[in-house]
Amino acid sequence: MAAPRGLGLVVLVVVAGLVVGSLLGDLLGHLLPSGWLQDVLTKGPTIGLTPPSTLDLRLVSLTLGFAFKVNLVGVLGIVISALTLRRL
């Protein structure tokens, strides 16, 4: 019987896979020559709150923003991290 996993561990593994995969995608993008393969690996949608939202209270100004740049290698990183989590 598998040990129960907390939601925090699952989120951490998926985010780590996305970060590592996206970094590898950017690295591959710089190493590969310009062309369709570079575009497929490094280009993707940006998901999030862009531009950031600002709440100005005169005394304090708060700015909130986040964005995820998803590419093909980042998605592969998520899949690999999910498979790794399954093995644990």
Protein backbone atom coordinates (compact mmCIF):
# COMPACT_ATOMS: atom_id res chain seq x y z
CA MET A 1 0.00 0.00 0.00
CA ALA A 2 1.42 3.38 -1.00
CA ALA A 3 2.05 6.03 1.60
CA PRO A 4 -0.26 9.05 1.36
CA ARG A 5 1.37 12.14 -0.11
CA GLY A 6 0.57 15.64 0.99
CA LEU A 7 -0.66 18.22 -1.45
CA GLY A 8 2.38 20.35 -0.67
CA LEU A 9 4.78 17.62 -1.84
CA VAL A 10 2.85 17.12 -5.08
CA VAL A 11 2.81 20.86 -5.82
CA LEU A 12 6.51 21.14 -4.97
CA VAL A 13 7.47 18.31 -7.32
CA VAL A 14 5.33 19.64 -10.18
CA VAL A 15 6.68 23.21 -9.80
CA ALA A 16 10.25 21.89 -9.56
CA GLY A 17 9.71 19.90 -12.76
CA LEU A 18 8.33 22.99 -14.49
CA VAL A 19 11.25 25.16 -13.37
CA VAL A 20 13.94 22.64 -14.30
CA GLY A 21 12.25 21.85 -17.61
CA SER A 22 11.87 25.52 -18.50
CA LEU A 23 15.51 26.21 -17.66
CA LEU A 24 16.58 23.28 -19.84
CA GLY A 25 14.33 24.59 -22.61
CA ASP A 26 15.96 28.01 -22.47
CA LEU A 27 19.41 26.42 -22.44
CA LEU A 28 18.55 24.27 -25.45
CA GLY A 29 17.13 27.35 -27.16
CA HIS A 30 20.47 29.09 -26.89
CA LEU A 31 22.42 26.05 -28.05
CA LEU A 32 20.25 25.14 -31.04
CA PRO A 33 20.46 27.10 -34.28
CA SER A 34 17.52 29.32 -35.18
CA GLY A 35 14.72 27.43 -36.83
CA TRP A 36 11.54 25.55 -36.23
CA LEU A 37 13.06 23.14 -33.66
CA GLN A 38 14.19 26.03 -31.50
CA ASP A 39 10.74 27.61 -31.78
CA VAL A 40 8.98 24.36 -30.82
CA LEU A 41 11.16 23.82 -27.76
CA THR A 42 11.37 27.37 -26.40
CA LYS A 43 8.20 29.22 -27.37
CA GLY A 44 4.94 28.79 -25.56
CA PRO A 45 2.16 30.66 -23.84
CA THR A 46 2.64 32.86 -20.80
CA ILE A 47 -0.02 32.13 -18.21
CA GLY A 48 -0.60 34.47 -15.32
CA LEU A 49 -1.34 37.97 -14.22
CA THR A 50 0.38 40.24 -16.73
CA PRO A 51 0.76 43.17 -16.32
CA PRO A 52 0.90 43.10 -12.51
CA SER A 53 -1.96 44.60 -10.53
CA THR A 54 -1.26 47.44 -8.12
CA LEU A 55 -3.30 48.37 -5.05
CA ASP A 56 -2.44 51.90 -3.92
CA LEU A 57 -3.61 52.72 -0.39
CA ARG A 58 -1.76 56.06 -0.21
CA LEU A 59 0.27 54.82 2.75
CA VAL A 60 1.25 51.49 1.22
CA SER A 61 1.33 50.35 -2.37
CA LEU A 62 1.02 46.63 -3.07
CA THR A 63 1.87 45.07 -6.41
CA LEU A 64 0.79 41.53 -7.19
CA GLY A 65 1.83 39.63 -10.26
CA PHE A 66 2.86 36.19 -11.37
CA ALA A 67 3.40 34.51 -14.70
CA PHE A 68 4.33 31.04 -15.87
CA LYS A 69 6.14 30.75 -19.19
CA VAL A 70 5.31 27.26 -20.38
CA ASN A 71 7.25 25.54 -23.15
CA LEU A 72 7.45 21.98 -24.45
CA VAL A 73 10.52 21.07 -22.40
CA GLY A 74 8.83 22.46 -19.28
CA VAL A 75 5.85 20.19 -19.86
CA LEU A 76 8.24 17.25 -20.32
CA GLY A 77 9.86 18.24 -17.02
CA ILE A 78 6.46 18.09 -15.31
CA VAL A 79 5.77 14.65 -16.78
CA ILE A 80 9.17 13.34 -15.68
CA SER A 81 8.72 14.78 -12.17
CA ALA A 82 5.23 13.25 -11.92
CA LEU A 83 6.59 9.86 -12.95
CA THR A 84 9.39 10.24 -10.40
CA LEU A 85 6.85 11.10 -7.70
CA ARG A 86 4.90 7.99 -8.60
CA ARG A 87 7.99 5.87 -8.11
CA LEU A 88 8.64 7.29 -4.62
